[in-house]
Amino acid sequence: MIYILSNSLKFTENEGRASITAKLADVGAKVFMFSYTGIGNPVVSLKTALERSRQIRDSFLISHEGTGLGLPLVKRMVDLHNGSLKLESEVGVGTSGIIKFPQELTILDM
């Protein structure tokens, strides 16, 4: 979730909004929903953003340095836990997503 939070804050402009919520689905699945306002990305760029060490480059993003590992790590960790990741984005509006983990996954042991 740290990578999702980091991207959310990095790409949300002043006076924008970023949120992350969590819930248990009826079948016991763990669901995390996130959204943030801001630059958004075209669909083609979302595919690039999920590839290791690939970054989306345009005039706005050049000023936001990073390793290009955030979203690929999120996707890999979700896949390793038999979860799913769905991203939606619209240029100039923002990005949102849903991460689901199956019921049998224990994320935190307390």
PDB file of N, CA and C in Angstrom:
ATOM      1  N   MET A   1       0.820  -1.193   0.000  1.00  0.00           N
ATOM      2  CA  MET A   1       0.000   0.000   0.000  1.00  0.00           C
ATOM      3  C   MET A   1       0.866   1.260   0.000  1.00  0.00           C
ATOM      4  N   ILE A   2       2.110   1.139   0.461  1.00  0.00           N
ATOM      5  CA  ILE A   2       2.978   2.311   0.492  1.00  0.00           C
ATOM      6  C   ILE A   2       3.233   2.852  -0.914  1.00  0.00           C
ATOM      7  N   TYR A   3       3.345   1.969  -1.903  1.00  0.00           N
ATOM      8  CA  TYR A   3       3.568   2.417  -3.279  1.00  0.00           C
ATOM      9  C   TYR A   3       2.317   3.095  -3.842  1.00  0.00           C
ATOM     10  N   ILE A   4       1.158   2.587  -3.506  1.00  0.00           N
ATOM     11  CA  ILE A   4      -0.086   3.215  -3.941  1.00  0.00           C
ATOM     12  C   ILE A   4      -0.203   4.597  -3.306  1.00  0.00           C
ATOM     13  N   LEU A   5       0.063   4.679  -2.007  1.00  0.00           N
ATOM     14  CA  LEU A   5      -0.008   5.963  -1.315  1.00  0.00           C
ATOM     15  C   LEU A   5       1.012   6.945  -1.880  1.00  0.00           C
ATOM     16  N   SER A   6       2.227   6.469  -2.128  1.00  0.00           N
ATOM     17  CA  SER A   6       3.277   7.319  -2.675  1.00  0.00           C
ATOM     18  C   SER A   6       2.876   7.895  -4.032  1.00  0.00           C
ATOM     19  N   ASN A   7       2.389   7.052  -4.941  1.00  0.00           N
ATOM     20  CA  ASN A   7       1.947   7.536  -6.249  1.00  0.00           C
ATOM     21  C   ASN A   7       0.771   8.494  -6.111  1.00  0.00           C
ATOM     22  N   SER A   8      -0.155   8.160  -5.226  1.00  0.00           N
ATOM     23  CA  SER A   8      -1.323   9.009  -5.040  1.00  0.00           C
ATOM     24  C   SER A   8      -0.913  10.416  -4.643  1.00  0.00           C
ATOM     25  N   LEU A   9      -0.001  10.516  -3.692  1.00  0.00           N
ATOM     26  CA  LEU A   9       0.418  11.838  -3.228  1.00  0.00           C
ATOM     27  C   LEU A   9       1.329  12.536  -4.227  1.00  0.00           C
ATOM     28  N   LYS A  10       2.168  11.768  -4.909  1.00  0.00           N
ATOM     29  CA  LYS A  10       3.093  12.357  -5.876  1.00  0.00           C
ATOM     30  C   LYS A  10       2.359  12.995  -7.051  1.00  0.00           C
ATOM     31  N   PHE A  11       1.294  12.359  -7.512  1.00  0.00           N
ATOM     32  CA  PHE A  11       0.630  12.817  -8.723  1.00  0.00           C
ATOM     33  C   PHE A  11      -0.691  13.538  -8.476  1.00  0.00           C
ATOM     34  N   THR A  12      -0.974  13.873  -7.219  1.00  0.00           N
ATOM     35  CA  THR A  12      -2.138  14.686  -6.903  1.00  0.00           C
ATOM     36  C   THR A  12      -1.672  16.130  -6.768  1.00  0.00           C
ATOM     37  N   GLU A  13      -2.282  17.005  -7.526  1.00  0.00           N
ATOM     38  CA  GLU A  13      -1.898  18.412  -7.500  1.00  0.00           C
ATOM     39  C   GLU A  13      -2.438  19.083  -6.239  1.00  0.00           C
ATOM     40  N   ASN A  14      -1.932  20.287  -5.933  1.00  0.00           N
ATOM     41  CA  ASN A  14      -2.433  21.058  -4.793  1.00  0.00           C
ATOM     42  C   ASN A  14      -3.948  21.157  -4.869  1.00  0.00           C
ATOM     43  N   GLU A  15      -4.575  21.048  -3.712  1.00  0.00           N
ATOM     44  CA  GLU A  15      -6.036  21.098  -3.600  1.00  0.00           C
ATOM     45  C   GLU A  15      -6.712  19.868  -4.197  1.00  0.00           C
ATOM     46  N   GLY A  16      -5.941  18.876  -4.604  1.00  0.00           N
ATOM     47  CA  GLY A  16      -6.511  17.635  -5.124  1.00  0.00           C
ATOM     48  C   GLY A  16      -6.910  16.714  -3.984  1.00  0.00           C
ATOM     49  N   ARG A  17      -7.364  15.519  -4.312  1.00  0.00           N
ATOM     50  CA  ARG A  17      -7.797  14.551  -3.299  1.00  0.00           C
ATOM     51  C   ARG A  17      -7.185  13.196  -3.575  1.00  0.00           C
ATOM     52  N   ALA A  18      -6.796  12.523  -2.504  1.00  0.00           N
ATOM     53  CA  ALA A  18      -6.312  11.148  -2.596  1.00  0.00           C
ATOM     54  C   ALA A  18      -6.955  10.366  -1.464  1.00  0.00           C
ATOM     55  N   SER A  19      -7.385   9.143  -1.759  1.00  0.00           N
ATOM     56  CA  SER A  19      -7.996   8.331  -0.703  1.00  0.00           C
ATOM     57  C   SER A  19      -7.685   6.857  -0.915  1.00  0.00           C
ATOM     58  N   ILE A  20      -7.595   6.163   0.211  1.00  0.00           N
ATOM     59  CA  ILE A  20      -7.449   4.709   0.214  1.00  0.00           C
ATOM     60  C   ILE A  20      -8.424   4.190   1.269  1.00  0.00           C
ATOM     61  N   THR A  21      -9.257   3.238   0.883  1.00  0.00           N
ATOM     62  CA  THR A  21     -10.186   2.628   1.819  1.00  0.00           C
ATOM     63  C   THR A  21     -10.046   1.118   1.749  1.00  0.00           C
ATOM     64  N   ALA A  22     -10.463   0.462   2.810  1.00  0.00           N
ATOM     65  CA  ALA A  22     -10.384  -0.998   2.861  1.00  0.00           C
ATOM     66  C   ALA A  22     -11.694  -1.540   3.412  1.00  0.00           C
ATOM     67  N   LYS A  23     -12.046  -2.739   2.951  1.00  0.00           N
ATOM     68  CA  LYS A  23     -13.248  -3.389   3.476  1.00  0.00           C
ATOM     69  C   LYS A  23     -13.123  -4.895   3.294  1.00  0.00           C
ATOM     70  N   LEU A  24     -13.957  -5.617   4.003  1.00  0.00           N
ATOM     71  CA  LEU A  24     -14.088  -7.054   3.799  1.00  0.00           C
ATOM     72  C   LEU A  24     -15.317  -7.280   2.939  1.00  0.00           C
ATOM     73  N   ALA A  25     -15.158  -7.997   1.860  1.00  0.00           N
ATOM     74  CA  ALA A  25     -16.282  -8.311   0.981  1.00  0.00           C
ATOM     75  C   ALA A  25     -17.130  -9.397   1.633  1.00  0.00           C
ATOM     76  N   ASP A  26     -18.322  -9.600   1.098  1.00  0.00           N
ATOM     77  CA  ASP A  26     -19.245 -10.607   1.644  1.00  0.00           C
ATOM     78  C   ASP A  26     -18.611 -11.985   1.729  1.00  0.00           C
ATOM     79  N   VAL A  27     -17.768 -12.320   0.792  1.00  0.00           N
ATOM     80  CA  VAL A  27     -17.151 -13.648   0.774  1.00  0.00           C
ATOM     81  C   VAL A  27     -15.849 -13.679   1.572  1.00  0.00           C
ATOM     82  N   GLY A  28     -15.538 -12.602   2.303  1.00  0.00           N
ATOM     83  CA  GLY A  28     -14.341 -12.564   3.127  1.00  0.00           C
ATOM     84  C   GLY A  28     -13.097 -12.056   2.435  1.00  0.00           C
ATOM     85  N   ALA A  29     -13.226 -11.692   1.177  1.00  0.00           N
ATOM     86  CA  ALA A  29     -12.077 -11.147   0.460  1.00  0.00           C
ATOM     87  C   ALA A  29     -11.715  -9.783   1.040  1.00  0.00           C
ATOM     88  N   LYS A  30     -10.426  -9.471   1.018  1.00  0.00           N
ATOM     89  CA  LYS A  30      -9.958  -8.161   1.462  1.00  0.00           C
ATOM     90  C   LYS A  30      -9.882  -7.255   0.241  1.00  0.00           C
ATOM     91  N   VAL A  31     -10.528  -6.104   0.310  1.00  0.00           N
ATOM     92  CA  VAL A  31     -10.622  -5.199  -0.829  1.00  0.00           C
ATOM     93  C   VAL A  31     -10.081  -3.832  -0.432  1.00  0.00           C
ATOM     94  N   PHE A  32      -9.163  -3.329  -1.238  1.00  0.00           N
ATOM     95  CA  PHE A  32      -8.598  -1.998  -1.043  1.00  0.00           C
ATOM     96  C   PHE A  32      -8.950  -1.170  -2.267  1.00  0.00           C
ATOM     97  N   MET A  33      -9.535  -0.010  -2.034  1.00  0.00           N
ATOM     98  CA  MET A  33      -9.901   0.880  -3.130  1.00  0.00           C
ATOM     99  C   MET A  33      -9.112   2.172  -2.968  1.00  0.00           C
ATOM    100  N   PHE A  34      -8.601   2.678  -4.054  1.00  0.00           N
ATOM    101  CA  PHE A  34      -7.861   3.927  -3.978  1.00  0.00           C
ATOM    102  C   PHE A  34      -8.212   4.803  -5.162  1.00  0.00           C
ATOM    103  N   SER A  35      -8.093   6.098  -4.950  1.00  0.00           N
ATOM    104  CA  SER A  35      -8.316   7.043  -6.041  1.00  0.00           C
ATOM    105  C   SER A  35      -7.583   8.327  -5.721  1.00  0.00           C
ATOM    106  N   TYR A  36      -7.187   9.000  -6.776  1.00  0.00           N
ATOM    107  CA  TYR A  36      -6.593  10.317  -6.601  1.00  0.00           C
ATOM    108  C   TYR A  36      -6.847  11.161  -7.836  1.00  0.00           C
ATOM    109  N   THR A  37      -7.057  12.442  -7.579  1.00  0.00           N
ATOM    110  CA  THR A  37      -7.265  13.375  -8.668  1.00  0.00           C
ATOM    111  C   THR A  37      -5.904  13.800  -9.190  1.00  0.00           C
ATOM    112  N   GLY A  38      -5.876  14.291 -10.388  1.00  0.00           N
ATOM    113  CA  GLY A  38      -4.598  14.741 -10.919  1.00  0.00           C
ATOM    114  C   GLY A  38      -4.486  14.511 -12.406  1.00  0.00           C
ATOM    115  N   ILE A  39      -3.276  14.224 -12.829  1.00  0.00           N
ATOM    116  CA  ILE A  39      -2.977  14.187 -14.255  1.00  0.00           C
ATOM    117  C   ILE A  39      -3.649  13.033 -14.992  1.00  0.00           C
ATOM    118  N   GLY A  40      -3.800  11.898 -14.343  1.00  0.00           N
ATOM    119  CA  GLY A  40      -4.360  10.732 -15.016  1.00  0.00           C
ATOM    120  C   GLY A  40      -3.422  10.217 -16.097  1.00  0.00           C
ATOM    121  N   ASN A  41      -3.755   9.073 -16.654  1.00  0.00           N
ATOM    122  CA  ASN A  41      -2.923   8.454 -17.692  1.00  0.00           C
ATOM    123  C   ASN A  41      -3.806   7.844 -18.765  1.00  0.00           C
ATOM    124  N   PRO A  42      -3.352   7.898 -20.013  1.00  0.00           N
ATOM    125  CA  PRO A  42      -4.087   7.171 -21.047  1.00  0.00           C
ATOM    126  C   PRO A  42      -3.955   5.659 -20.807  1.00  0.00           C
ATOM    127  N   VAL A  43      -4.878   4.879 -21.310  1.00  0.00           N
ATOM    128  CA  VAL A  43      -4.885   3.429 -21.109  1.00  0.00           C
ATOM    129  C   VAL A  43      -3.566   2.796 -21.534  1.00  0.00           C
ATOM    130  N   VAL A  44      -3.011   3.206 -22.650  1.00  0.00           N
ATOM    131  CA  VAL A  44      -1.742   2.649 -23.128  1.00  0.00           C
ATOM    132  C   VAL A  44      -0.644   2.878 -22.097  1.00  0.00           C
ATOM    133  N   SER A  45      -0.626   4.040 -21.461  1.00  0.00           N
ATOM    134  CA  SER A  45       0.391   4.353 -20.463  1.00  0.00           C
ATOM    135  C   SER A  45       0.244   3.505 -19.208  1.00  0.00           C
ATOM    136  N   LEU A  46      -0.977   3.119 -18.861  1.00  0.00           N
ATOM    137  CA  LEU A  46      -1.173   2.265 -17.684  1.00  0.00           C
ATOM    138  C   LEU A  46      -0.465   0.929 -17.875  1.00  0.00           C
ATOM    139  N   LYS A  47      -0.521   0.383 -19.082  1.00  0.00           N
ATOM    140  CA  LYS A  47       0.174  -0.879 -19.351  1.00  0.00           C
ATOM    141  C   LYS A  47       1.676  -0.696 -19.180  1.00  0.00           C
ATOM    142  N   THR A  48       2.214   0.416 -19.650  1.00  0.00           N
ATOM    143  CA  THR A  48       3.639   0.725 -19.497  1.00  0.00           C
ATOM    144  C   THR A  48       3.992   0.883 -18.024  1.00  0.00           C
ATOM    145  N   ALA A  49       3.126   1.530 -17.257  1.00  0.00           N
ATOM    146  CA  ALA A  49       3.385   1.784 -15.840  1.00  0.00           C
ATOM    147  C   ALA A  49       3.481   0.495 -15.032  1.00  0.00           C
ATOM    148  N   LEU A  50       2.882  -0.575 -15.508  1.00  0.00           N
ATOM    149  CA  LEU A  50       2.920  -1.858 -14.795  1.00  0.00           C
ATOM    150  C   LEU A  50       4.131  -2.709 -15.167  1.00  0.00           C
ATOM    151  N   GLU A  51       4.921  -2.263 -16.137  1.00  0.00           N
ATOM    152  CA  GLU A  51       6.120  -2.993 -16.528  1.00  0.00           C
ATOM    153  C   GLU A  51       7.293  -2.547 -15.660  1.00  0.00           C
ATOM    154  N   ARG A  52       8.151  -3.499 -15.261  1.00  0.00           N
ATOM    155  CA  ARG A  52       9.300  -3.176 -14.418  1.00  0.00           C
ATOM    156  C   ARG A  52      10.211  -2.142 -15.054  1.00  0.00           C
ATOM    157  N   SER A  53      10.608  -1.175 -14.242  1.00  0.00           N
ATOM    158  CA  SER A  53      11.566  -0.131 -14.621  1.00  0.00           C
ATOM    159  C   SER A  53      11.143   0.673 -15.844  1.00  0.00           C
ATOM    160  N   ARG A  54       9.868   0.738 -16.092  1.00  0.00           N
ATOM    161  CA  ARG A  54       9.354   1.576 -17.182  1.00  0.00           C
ATOM    162  C   ARG A  54       8.603   2.725 -16.545  1.00  0.00           C
ATOM    163  N   GLN A  55       8.796   3.890 -17.046  1.00  0.00           N
ATOM    164  CA  GLN A  55       8.092   5.051 -16.549  1.00  0.00           C
ATOM    165  C   GLN A  55       7.359   5.726 -17.690  1.00  0.00           C
ATOM    166  N   ILE A  56       6.258   6.342 -17.340  1.00  0.00           N
ATOM    167  CA  ILE A  56       5.516   7.121 -18.318  1.00  0.00           C
ATOM    168  C   ILE A  56       6.195   8.471 -18.379  1.00  0.00           C
ATOM    169  N   ARG A  57       6.543   8.901 -19.563  1.00  0.00           N
ATOM    170  CA  ARG A  57       7.248  10.171 -19.716  1.00  0.00           C
ATOM    171  C   ARG A  57       6.391  11.160 -20.501  1.00  0.00           C
ATOM    172  N   ASP A  58       6.088  12.258 -19.879  1.00  0.00           N
ATOM    173  CA  ASP A  58       5.547  13.407 -20.590  1.00  0.00           C
ATOM    174  C   ASP A  58       6.016  14.643 -19.847  1.00  0.00           C
ATOM    175  N   SER A  59       5.631  15.818 -20.276  1.00  0.00           N
ATOM    176  CA  SER A  59       6.186  17.044 -19.714  1.00  0.00           C
ATOM    177  C   SER A  59       5.929  17.176 -18.223  1.00  0.00           C
ATOM    178  N   PHE A  60       4.789  16.706 -17.714  1.00  0.00           N
ATOM    179  CA  PHE A  60       4.513  16.811 -16.288  1.00  0.00           C
ATOM    180  C   PHE A  60       5.309  15.780 -15.488  1.00  0.00           C
ATOM    181  N   LEU A  61       5.355  14.576 -15.982  1.00  0.00           N
ATOM    182  CA  LEU A  61       5.972  13.496 -15.221  1.00  0.00           C
ATOM    183  C   LEU A  61       7.487  13.614 -15.127  1.00  0.00           C
ATOM    184  N   ILE A  62       8.107  14.285 -16.066  1.00  0.00           N
ATOM    185  CA  ILE A  62       9.559  14.413 -16.033  1.00  0.00           C
ATOM    186  C   ILE A  62      10.011  15.062 -14.729  1.00  0.00           C
ATOM    187  N   SER A  63       9.211  15.957 -14.168  1.00  0.00           N
ATOM    188  CA  SER A  63       9.574  16.618 -12.914  1.00  0.00           C
ATOM    189  C   SER A  63       9.285  15.748 -11.698  1.00  0.00           C
ATOM    190  N   HIS A  64       8.741  14.549 -11.873  1.00  0.00           N
ATOM    191  CA  HIS A  64       8.433  13.633 -10.780  1.00  0.00           C
ATOM    192  C   HIS A  64       9.289  12.377 -10.934  1.00  0.00           C
ATOM    193  N   GLU A  65      10.503  12.470 -10.436  1.00  0.00           N
ATOM    194  CA  GLU A  65      11.448  11.362 -10.594  1.00  0.00           C
ATOM    195  C   GLU A  65      11.041  10.153  -9.758  1.00  0.00           C
ATOM    196  N   GLY A  66      11.474   9.005 -10.187  1.00  0.00           N
ATOM    197  CA  GLY A  66      11.243   7.767  -9.466  1.00  0.00           C
ATOM    198  C   GLY A  66      11.983   6.644 -10.155  1.00  0.00           C
ATOM    199  N   THR A  67      11.868   5.462  -9.579  1.00  0.00           N
ATOM    200  CA  THR A  67      12.573   4.309 -10.134  1.00  0.00           C
ATOM    201  C   THR A  67      11.751   3.571 -11.174  1.00  0.00           C
ATOM    202  N   GLY A  68      10.454   3.816 -11.202  1.00  0.00           N
ATOM    203  CA  GLY A  68       9.592   3.082 -12.116  1.00  0.00           C
ATOM    204  C   GLY A  68       9.230   1.704 -11.585  1.00  0.00           C
ATOM    205  N   LEU A  69       9.444   1.489 -10.284  1.00  0.00           N
ATOM    206  CA  LEU A  69       9.175   0.176  -9.694  1.00  0.00           C
ATOM    207  C   LEU A  69       7.885   0.108  -8.877  1.00  0.00           C
ATOM    208  N   GLY A  70       7.292   1.240  -8.537  1.00  0.00           N
ATOM    209  CA  GLY A  70       6.131   1.256  -7.647  1.00  0.00           C
ATOM    210  C   GLY A  70       4.986   0.379  -8.095  1.00  0.00           C
ATOM    211  N   LEU A  71       4.374   0.697  -9.227  1.00  0.00           N
ATOM    212  CA  LEU A  71       3.234  -0.094  -9.689  1.00  0.00           C
ATOM    213  C   LEU A  71       3.605  -1.512 -10.097  1.00  0.00           C
ATOM    214  N   PRO A  72       4.767  -1.746 -10.735  1.00  0.00           N
ATOM    215  CA  PRO A  72       5.137  -3.131 -11.015  1.00  0.00           C
ATOM    216  C   PRO A  72       5.292  -3.972  -9.744  1.00  0.00           C
ATOM    217  N   LEU A  73       5.819  -3.387  -8.672  1.00  0.00           N
ATOM    218  CA  LEU A  73       5.936  -4.120  -7.405  1.00  0.00           C
ATOM    219  C   LEU A  73       4.559  -4.403  -6.820  1.00  0.00           C
ATOM    220  N   VAL A  74       3.671  -3.425  -6.889  1.00  0.00           N
ATOM    221  CA  VAL A  74       2.307  -3.637  -6.406  1.00  0.00           C
ATOM    222  C   VAL A  74       1.678  -4.794  -7.166  1.00  0.00           C
ATOM    223  N   LYS A  75       1.772  -4.768  -8.491  1.00  0.00           N
ATOM    224  CA  LYS A  75       1.175  -5.830  -9.309  1.00  0.00           C
ATOM    225  C   LYS A  75       1.775  -7.188  -8.971  1.00  0.00           C
ATOM    226  N   ARG A  76       3.088  -7.247  -8.825  1.00  0.00           N
ATOM    227  CA  ARG A  76       3.757  -8.517  -8.520  1.00  0.00           C
ATOM    228  C   ARG A  76       3.330  -9.059  -7.156  1.00  0.00           C
ATOM    229  N   MET A  77       3.271  -8.191  -6.144  1.00  0.00           N
ATOM    230  CA  MET A  77       2.864  -8.633  -4.807  1.00  0.00           C
ATOM    231  C   MET A  77       1.417  -9.109  -4.804  1.00  0.00           C
ATOM    232  N   VAL A  78       0.555  -8.385  -5.507  1.00  0.00           N
ATOM    233  CA  VAL A  78      -0.847  -8.794  -5.609  1.00  0.00           C
ATOM    234  C   VAL A  78      -0.931 -10.156  -6.292  1.00  0.00           C
ATOM    235  N   ASP A  79      -0.207 -10.339  -7.394  1.00  0.00           N
ATOM    236  CA  ASP A  79      -0.203 -11.623  -8.105  1.00  0.00           C
ATOM    237  C   ASP A  79       0.300 -12.760  -7.222  1.00  0.00           C
ATOM    238  N   LEU A  80       1.358 -12.509  -6.442  1.00  0.00           N
ATOM    239  CA  LEU A  80       1.918 -13.542  -5.566  1.00  0.00           C
ATOM    240  C   LEU A  80       0.924 -14.019  -4.512  1.00  0.00           C
ATOM    241  N   HIS A  81      -0.034 -13.169  -4.161  1.00  0.00           N
ATOM    242  CA  HIS A  81      -1.043 -13.528  -3.164  1.00  0.00           C
ATOM    243  C   HIS A  81      -2.370 -13.899  -3.807  1.00  0.00           C
ATOM    244  N   ASN A  82      -2.318 -14.257  -5.093  1.00  0.00           N
ATOM    245  CA  ASN A  82      -3.520 -14.656  -5.843  1.00  0.00           C
ATOM    246  C   ASN A  82      -4.606 -13.596  -5.811  1.00  0.00           C
ATOM    247  N   GLY A  83      -4.184 -12.354  -5.814  1.00  0.00           N
ATOM    248  CA  GLY A  83      -5.132 -11.253  -5.817  1.00  0.00           C
ATOM    249  C   GLY A  83      -5.326 -10.698  -7.214  1.00  0.00           C
ATOM    250  N   SER A  84      -6.062  -9.610  -7.275  1.00  0.00           N
ATOM    251  CA  SER A  84      -6.289  -8.954  -8.558  1.00  0.00           C
ATOM    252  C   SER A  84      -6.113  -7.449  -8.385  1.00  0.00           C
ATOM    253  N   LEU A  85      -5.676  -6.813  -9.454  1.00  0.00           N
ATOM    254  CA  LEU A  85      -5.470  -5.372  -9.489  1.00  0.00           C
ATOM    255  C   LEU A  85      -6.172  -4.832 -10.714  1.00  0.00           C
ATOM    256  N   LYS A  86      -7.042  -3.860 -10.519  1.00  0.00           N
ATOM    257  CA  LYS A  86      -7.736  -3.218 -11.634  1.00  0.00           C
ATOM    258  C   LYS A  86      -7.470  -1.723 -11.527  1.00  0.00           C
ATOM    259  N   LEU A  87      -6.958  -1.132 -12.592  1.00  0.00           N
ATOM    260  CA  LEU A  87      -6.664   0.295 -12.645  1.00  0.00           C
ATOM    261  C   LEU A  87      -7.520   0.971 -13.703  1.00  0.00           C
ATOM    262  N   GLU A  88      -7.970   2.168 -13.391  1.00  0.00           N
ATOM    263  CA  GLU A  88      -8.667   3.006 -14.361  1.00  0.00           C
ATOM    264  C   GLU A  88      -8.095   4.404 -14.240  1.00  0.00           C
ATOM    265  N   SER A  89      -7.958   5.085 -15.348  1.00  0.00           N
ATOM    266  CA  SER A  89      -7.399   6.420 -15.319  1.00  0.00           C
ATOM    267  C   SER A  89      -7.949   7.230 -16.483  1.00  0.00           C
ATOM    268  N   GLU A  90      -8.088   8.508 -16.237  1.00  0.00           N
ATOM    269  CA  GLU A  90      -8.527   9.413 -17.288  1.00  0.00           C
ATOM    270  C   GLU A  90      -7.629  10.642 -17.253  1.00  0.00           C
ATOM    271  N   VAL A  91      -7.092  10.988 -18.394  1.00  0.00           N
ATOM    272  CA  VAL A  91      -6.176  12.125 -18.496  1.00  0.00           C
ATOM    273  C   VAL A  91      -6.874  13.382 -17.995  1.00  0.00           C
ATOM    274  N   GLY A  92      -6.205  14.102 -17.100  1.00  0.00           N
ATOM    275  CA  GLY A  92      -6.726  15.346 -16.559  1.00  0.00           C
ATOM    276  C   GLY A  92      -7.737  15.179 -15.446  1.00  0.00           C
ATOM    277  N   VAL A  93      -8.124  13.935 -15.137  1.00  0.00           N
ATOM    278  CA  VAL A  93      -9.121  13.686 -14.098  1.00  0.00           C
ATOM    279  C   VAL A  93      -8.488  12.968 -12.905  1.00  0.00           C
ATOM    280  N   GLY A  94      -7.786  11.873 -13.163  1.00  0.00           N
ATOM    281  CA  GLY A  94      -7.149  11.132 -12.088  1.00  0.00           C
ATOM    282  C   GLY A  94      -7.128   9.637 -12.335  1.00  0.00           C
ATOM    283  N   THR A  95      -6.783   8.919 -11.294  1.00  0.00           N
ATOM    284  CA  THR A  95      -6.613   7.471 -11.374  1.00  0.00           C
ATOM    285  C   THR A  95      -7.321   6.820 -10.190  1.00  0.00           C
ATOM    286  N   SER A  96      -7.876   5.636 -10.420  1.00  0.00           N
ATOM    287  CA  SER A  96      -8.487   4.866  -9.347  1.00  0.00           C
ATOM    288  C   SER A  96      -8.175   3.394  -9.568  1.00  0.00           C
ATOM    289  N   GLY A  97      -8.307   2.638  -8.518  1.00  0.00           N
ATOM    290  CA  GLY A  97      -8.034   1.219  -8.635  1.00  0.00           C
ATOM    291  C   GLY A  97      -8.648   0.421  -7.507  1.00  0.00           C
ATOM    292  N   ILE A  98      -8.696  -0.876  -7.733  1.00  0.00           N
ATOM    293  CA  ILE A  98      -9.197  -1.822  -6.737  1.00  0.00           C
ATOM    294  C   ILE A  98      -8.207  -2.972  -6.660  1.00  0.00           C
ATOM    295  N   ILE A  99      -7.801  -3.286  -5.451  1.00  0.00           N
ATOM    296  CA  ILE A  99      -6.958  -4.453  -5.193  1.00  0.00           C
ATOM    297  C   ILE A  99      -7.780  -5.408  -4.347  1.00  0.00           C
ATOM    298  N   LYS A 100      -7.884  -6.667  -4.792  1.00  0.00           N
ATOM    299  CA  LYS A 100      -8.633  -7.683  -4.045  1.00  0.00           C
ATOM    300  C   LYS A 100      -7.707  -8.834  -3.710  1.00  0.00           C
ATOM    301  N   PHE A 101      -7.786  -9.256  -2.461  1.00  0.00           N
ATOM    302  CA  PHE A 101      -7.076 -10.449  -2.013  1.00  0.00           C
ATOM    303  C   PHE A 101      -8.101 -11.486  -1.595  1.00  0.00           C
ATOM    304  N   PRO A 102      -7.834 -12.764  -1.845  1.00  0.00           N
ATOM    305  CA  PRO A 102      -8.799 -13.808  -1.493  1.00  0.00           C
ATOM    306  C   PRO A 102      -8.979 -13.938   0.019  1.00  0.00           C
ATOM    307  N   GLN A 103     -10.061 -14.578   0.392  1.00  0.00           N
ATOM    308  CA  GLN A 103     -10.424 -14.754   1.805  1.00  0.00           C
ATOM    309  C   GLN A 103      -9.303 -15.426   2.605  1.00  0.00           C
ATOM    310  N   GLU A 104      -8.647 -16.419   2.049  1.00  0.00           N
ATOM    311  CA  GLU A 104      -7.654 -17.191   2.802  1.00  0.00           C
ATOM    312  C   GLU A 104      -6.347 -16.432   3.072  1.00  0.00           C
ATOM    313  N   LEU A 105      -6.183 -15.258   2.507  1.00  0.00           N
ATOM    314  CA  LEU A 105      -4.964 -14.484   2.720  1.00  0.00           C
ATOM    315  C   LEU A 105      -5.008 -13.789   4.074  1.00  0.00           C
ATOM    316  N   THR A 106      -3.954 -13.923   4.861  1.00  0.00           N
ATOM    317  CA  THR A 106      -3.811 -13.185   6.097  1.00  0.00           C
ATOM    318  C   THR A 106      -2.769 -12.103   5.852  1.00  0.00           C
ATOM    319  N   ILE A 107      -3.217 -10.855   5.817  1.00  0.00           N
ATOM    320  CA  ILE A 107      -2.317  -9.752   5.519  1.00  0.00           C
ATOM    321  C   ILE A 107      -1.533  -9.355   6.763  1.00  0.00           C
ATOM    322  N   LEU A 108      -2.200  -9.231   7.885  1.00  0.00           N
ATOM    323  CA  LEU A 108      -1.540  -8.847   9.131  1.00  0.00           C
ATOM    324  C   LEU A 108      -1.898  -9.826  10.234  1.00  0.00           C
ATOM    325  N   ASP A 109      -0.923 -10.311  10.931  1.00  0.00           N
ATOM    326  CA  ASP A 109      -1.160 -11.131  12.117  1.00  0.00           C
ATOM    327  C   ASP A 109      -0.888 -10.251  13.327  1.00  0.00           C
ATOM    328  N   MET A 110      -1.870 -10.104  14.173  1.00  0.00           N
ATOM    329  CA  MET A 110      -1.684  -9.266  15.353  1.00  0.00           C
ATOM    330  C   MET A 110      -1.854 -10.085  16.603  1.00  0.00           C
TER     331      MET A 110
END
